N, C-alpha and C. Protein backbone atom coordinates (compact mmCIF):
# COMPACT_ATOMS: atom_id res chain seq x y z
N MET A 1 21.41 -31.87 -34.57
CA MET A 1 20.18 -31.51 -33.90
C MET A 1 20.45 -30.94 -32.51
N LEU A 2 21.35 -31.60 -31.78
CA LEU A 2 21.67 -31.16 -30.44
C LEU A 2 22.42 -29.83 -30.45
N ILE A 3 23.24 -29.63 -31.48
CA ILE A 3 24.00 -28.38 -31.59
C ILE A 3 23.04 -27.22 -31.84
N ASN A 4 22.06 -27.41 -32.70
CA ASN A 4 21.08 -26.35 -32.95
C ASN A 4 20.28 -26.01 -31.70
N HIS A 5 19.97 -27.04 -30.92
CA HIS A 5 19.22 -26.81 -29.69
C HIS A 5 20.03 -25.97 -28.70
N SER A 6 21.32 -26.28 -28.57
CA SER A 6 22.15 -25.50 -27.64
C SER A 6 22.35 -24.07 -28.15
N ARG A 7 22.43 -23.89 -29.47
CA ARG A 7 22.53 -22.54 -30.03
C ARG A 7 21.27 -21.73 -29.72
N GLU A 8 20.12 -22.37 -29.89
CA GLU A 8 18.86 -21.69 -29.59
C GLU A 8 18.78 -21.31 -28.11
N GLN A 9 19.24 -22.21 -27.25
CA GLN A 9 19.24 -21.90 -25.82
C GLN A 9 20.16 -20.72 -25.52
N LYS A 10 21.32 -20.69 -26.15
CA LYS A 10 22.25 -19.58 -25.94
C LYS A 10 21.65 -18.26 -26.42
N LYS A 11 20.98 -18.31 -27.58
CA LYS A 11 20.34 -17.10 -28.10
C LYS A 11 19.27 -16.60 -27.15
N LEU A 12 18.44 -17.53 -26.66
CA LEU A 12 17.39 -17.14 -25.71
C LEU A 12 17.98 -16.58 -24.43
N HIS A 13 19.06 -17.22 -23.96
CA HIS A 13 19.72 -16.74 -22.74
C HIS A 13 20.24 -15.31 -22.93
N LEU A 14 20.87 -15.04 -24.05
CA LEU A 14 21.37 -13.69 -24.33
C LEU A 14 20.23 -12.69 -24.46
N LEU A 15 19.14 -13.12 -25.08
CA LEU A 15 17.98 -12.25 -25.22
C LEU A 15 17.41 -11.89 -23.85
N TYR A 16 17.24 -12.89 -22.99
CA TYR A 16 16.70 -12.63 -21.66
C TYR A 16 17.63 -11.74 -20.84
N ARG A 17 18.94 -11.98 -20.96
CA ARG A 17 19.90 -11.15 -20.22
C ARG A 17 19.85 -9.70 -20.68
N SER A 18 19.74 -9.49 -21.99
CA SER A 18 19.68 -8.11 -22.49
C SER A 18 18.38 -7.43 -22.06
N GLN A 19 17.27 -8.18 -22.07
CA GLN A 19 16.01 -7.61 -21.61
C GLN A 19 16.07 -7.26 -20.13
N LEU A 20 16.67 -8.16 -19.33
CA LEU A 20 16.81 -7.90 -17.90
C LEU A 20 17.66 -6.66 -17.66
N HIS A 21 18.76 -6.54 -18.39
CA HIS A 21 19.64 -5.38 -18.23
C HIS A 21 18.91 -4.09 -18.61
N ARG A 22 18.14 -4.13 -19.68
CA ARG A 22 17.38 -2.95 -20.10
C ARG A 22 16.35 -2.56 -19.04
N MET A 23 15.68 -3.55 -18.48
CA MET A 23 14.68 -3.27 -17.44
C MET A 23 15.34 -2.70 -16.18
N GLN A 24 16.52 -3.20 -15.84
CA GLN A 24 17.24 -2.67 -14.68
C GLN A 24 17.64 -1.22 -14.91
N LEU A 25 18.09 -0.91 -16.12
CA LEU A 25 18.46 0.47 -16.44
C LEU A 25 17.24 1.39 -16.40
N GLU A 26 16.11 0.93 -16.93
CA GLU A 26 14.90 1.74 -16.90
C GLU A 26 14.44 1.99 -15.47
N THR A 27 14.52 0.96 -14.63
CA THR A 27 14.13 1.11 -13.24
C THR A 27 15.04 2.11 -12.53
N ALA A 28 16.33 2.01 -12.76
CA ALA A 28 17.27 2.94 -12.14
C ALA A 28 17.00 4.37 -12.61
N LEU A 29 16.68 4.53 -13.88
CA LEU A 29 16.38 5.86 -14.41
C LEU A 29 15.12 6.43 -13.76
N ARG A 30 14.07 5.59 -13.66
CA ARG A 30 12.83 6.05 -13.03
C ARG A 30 13.05 6.46 -11.58
N GLU A 31 13.82 5.64 -10.84
CA GLU A 31 14.08 5.95 -9.44
C GLU A 31 14.89 7.23 -9.29
N SER A 32 15.78 7.49 -10.23
CA SER A 32 16.61 8.69 -10.11
C SER A 32 15.82 9.95 -10.47
N THR A 33 14.79 9.83 -11.31
CA THR A 33 14.04 11.02 -11.71
C THR A 33 12.86 11.31 -10.79
N GLN A 34 12.39 10.31 -10.04
CA GLN A 34 11.27 10.56 -9.13
C GLN A 34 11.78 11.20 -7.85
N PRO A 35 11.07 12.18 -7.34
CA PRO A 35 11.51 12.80 -6.09
C PRO A 35 11.37 11.82 -4.93
N GLN A 36 12.27 11.94 -4.00
CA GLN A 36 12.22 11.08 -2.82
C GLN A 36 11.08 11.50 -1.91
N ALA A 37 10.51 10.54 -1.22
CA ALA A 37 9.43 10.84 -0.28
C ALA A 37 10.00 11.67 0.87
N GLY A 38 9.30 12.70 1.24
CA GLY A 38 9.77 13.56 2.31
C GLY A 38 8.84 13.52 3.50
N GLY A 39 9.11 14.39 4.45
CA GLY A 39 8.22 14.50 5.60
C GLY A 39 8.30 13.30 6.51
N VAL A 40 7.14 12.88 6.97
CA VAL A 40 7.05 11.80 7.96
C VAL A 40 7.57 10.49 7.41
N PHE A 41 7.37 10.22 6.12
CA PHE A 41 7.70 8.92 5.57
C PHE A 41 9.16 8.79 5.14
N ALA A 42 9.94 9.85 5.25
CA ALA A 42 11.34 9.79 4.84
C ALA A 42 12.13 8.82 5.71
N ARG A 43 11.82 8.77 6.97
CA ARG A 43 12.54 7.89 7.89
C ARG A 43 11.62 6.79 8.41
N TRP A 44 10.84 6.26 7.51
CA TRP A 44 9.80 5.29 7.88
C TRP A 44 10.37 4.07 8.57
N ARG A 45 11.43 3.52 8.04
CA ARG A 45 11.98 2.28 8.58
C ARG A 45 12.53 2.47 9.98
N SER A 46 13.23 3.56 10.24
CA SER A 46 13.79 3.77 11.57
C SER A 46 12.69 4.03 12.60
N VAL A 47 11.65 4.75 12.21
CA VAL A 47 10.53 5.00 13.12
C VAL A 47 9.81 3.70 13.42
N SER A 48 9.61 2.89 12.41
CA SER A 48 8.93 1.60 12.59
C SER A 48 9.73 0.69 13.51
N THR A 49 11.04 0.66 13.35
CA THR A 49 11.89 -0.16 14.20
C THR A 49 11.85 0.33 15.64
N LEU A 50 11.91 1.63 15.83
CA LEU A 50 11.84 2.19 17.18
C LEU A 50 10.52 1.84 17.85
N LEU A 51 9.43 1.99 17.14
CA LEU A 51 8.13 1.66 17.72
C LEU A 51 7.98 0.17 17.99
N ALA A 52 8.59 -0.66 17.16
CA ALA A 52 8.54 -2.10 17.40
C ALA A 52 9.24 -2.45 18.71
N VAL A 53 10.34 -1.78 19.00
CA VAL A 53 11.03 -2.01 20.27
C VAL A 53 10.19 -1.51 21.43
N LEU A 54 9.59 -0.34 21.28
CA LEU A 54 8.78 0.24 22.35
C LEU A 54 7.44 -0.46 22.53
N SER A 55 7.00 -1.22 21.53
CA SER A 55 5.69 -1.86 21.62
C SER A 55 5.62 -2.90 22.72
N HIS A 56 6.76 -3.37 23.17
CA HIS A 56 6.77 -4.35 24.25
C HIS A 56 6.45 -3.71 25.59
N LEU A 57 6.49 -2.40 25.68
CA LEU A 57 6.24 -1.71 26.94
C LEU A 57 4.77 -1.48 27.23
N SER A 58 3.98 -1.29 26.20
CA SER A 58 2.59 -0.89 26.42
C SER A 58 1.69 -1.45 25.33
N PRO A 59 0.46 -1.86 25.70
CA PRO A 59 -0.49 -2.32 24.68
C PRO A 59 -0.87 -1.21 23.69
N THR A 60 -0.88 0.03 24.15
CA THR A 60 -1.22 1.15 23.28
C THR A 60 -0.16 1.30 22.19
N LEU A 61 1.10 1.20 22.57
CA LEU A 61 2.18 1.29 21.59
C LEU A 61 2.14 0.10 20.63
N SER A 62 1.75 -1.06 21.14
CA SER A 62 1.63 -2.23 20.28
C SER A 62 0.58 -2.01 19.20
N ARG A 63 -0.55 -1.42 19.58
CA ARG A 63 -1.59 -1.11 18.59
C ARG A 63 -1.11 -0.07 17.59
N ALA A 64 -0.33 0.89 18.07
CA ALA A 64 0.20 1.93 17.18
C ALA A 64 1.14 1.31 16.14
N VAL A 65 1.96 0.36 16.58
CA VAL A 65 2.89 -0.30 15.66
C VAL A 65 2.12 -1.08 14.60
N LYS A 66 1.06 -1.77 15.01
CA LYS A 66 0.26 -2.52 14.03
C LYS A 66 -0.38 -1.57 13.02
N SER A 67 -0.83 -0.42 13.50
CA SER A 67 -1.43 0.57 12.59
C SER A 67 -0.39 1.12 11.62
N LEU A 68 0.81 1.38 12.13
CA LEU A 68 1.87 1.90 11.26
C LEU A 68 2.29 0.87 10.22
N LYS A 69 2.32 -0.40 10.60
CA LYS A 69 2.67 -1.44 9.63
C LYS A 69 1.62 -1.50 8.52
N LEU A 70 0.35 -1.39 8.90
CA LEU A 70 -0.71 -1.38 7.90
C LEU A 70 -0.58 -0.16 6.99
N LEU A 71 -0.26 0.98 7.57
CA LEU A 71 -0.06 2.19 6.78
C LEU A 71 1.12 2.02 5.82
N GLY A 72 2.17 1.35 6.28
CA GLY A 72 3.31 1.08 5.42
C GLY A 72 2.95 0.22 4.22
N VAL A 73 2.10 -0.77 4.44
CA VAL A 73 1.65 -1.62 3.34
C VAL A 73 0.84 -0.80 2.34
N ILE A 74 -0.04 0.06 2.86
CA ILE A 74 -0.87 0.90 1.99
C ILE A 74 0.01 1.83 1.16
N ILE A 75 1.03 2.41 1.78
CA ILE A 75 1.94 3.31 1.06
C ILE A 75 2.71 2.54 -0.02
N SER A 76 3.15 1.33 0.30
CA SER A 76 3.87 0.53 -0.69
C SER A 76 3.00 0.20 -1.89
N VAL A 77 1.75 -0.16 -1.62
CA VAL A 77 0.83 -0.47 -2.72
C VAL A 77 0.58 0.78 -3.56
N ALA A 78 0.44 1.93 -2.89
CA ALA A 78 0.21 3.17 -3.63
C ALA A 78 1.40 3.51 -4.52
N ARG A 79 2.62 3.28 -4.03
CA ARG A 79 3.81 3.53 -4.85
C ARG A 79 3.86 2.61 -6.06
N LEU A 80 3.50 1.34 -5.84
CA LEU A 80 3.49 0.40 -6.96
C LEU A 80 2.46 0.80 -8.00
N LEU A 81 1.28 1.20 -7.55
CA LEU A 81 0.23 1.58 -8.48
C LEU A 81 0.56 2.88 -9.20
N ARG A 82 1.27 3.77 -8.52
CA ARG A 82 1.65 5.03 -9.14
C ARG A 82 2.64 4.81 -10.28
N GLY A 83 3.46 3.79 -10.14
CA GLY A 83 4.46 3.49 -11.17
C GLY A 83 3.88 2.90 -12.43
N LYS A 84 2.65 2.40 -12.37
CA LYS A 84 2.07 1.74 -13.56
C LYS A 84 1.35 2.71 -14.44
């Protein structure tokens, strides 16, 4: 009884690993075929980091950083929804 249980667990483990590997390959394929974001959003992370450092200098820059972070969240959600 215990041997059959361990065999079933091994089968399930192999099944999950193969499904995970397939999903990883599909994700990599999708990312390679989709065009990269260009323009303003291409260097989003570096611009956001720069503004975060500068936000300590002025309240106006601090508000701009908060707005950019919100815009980043909106863009991320849009990318996720586009993929579905």
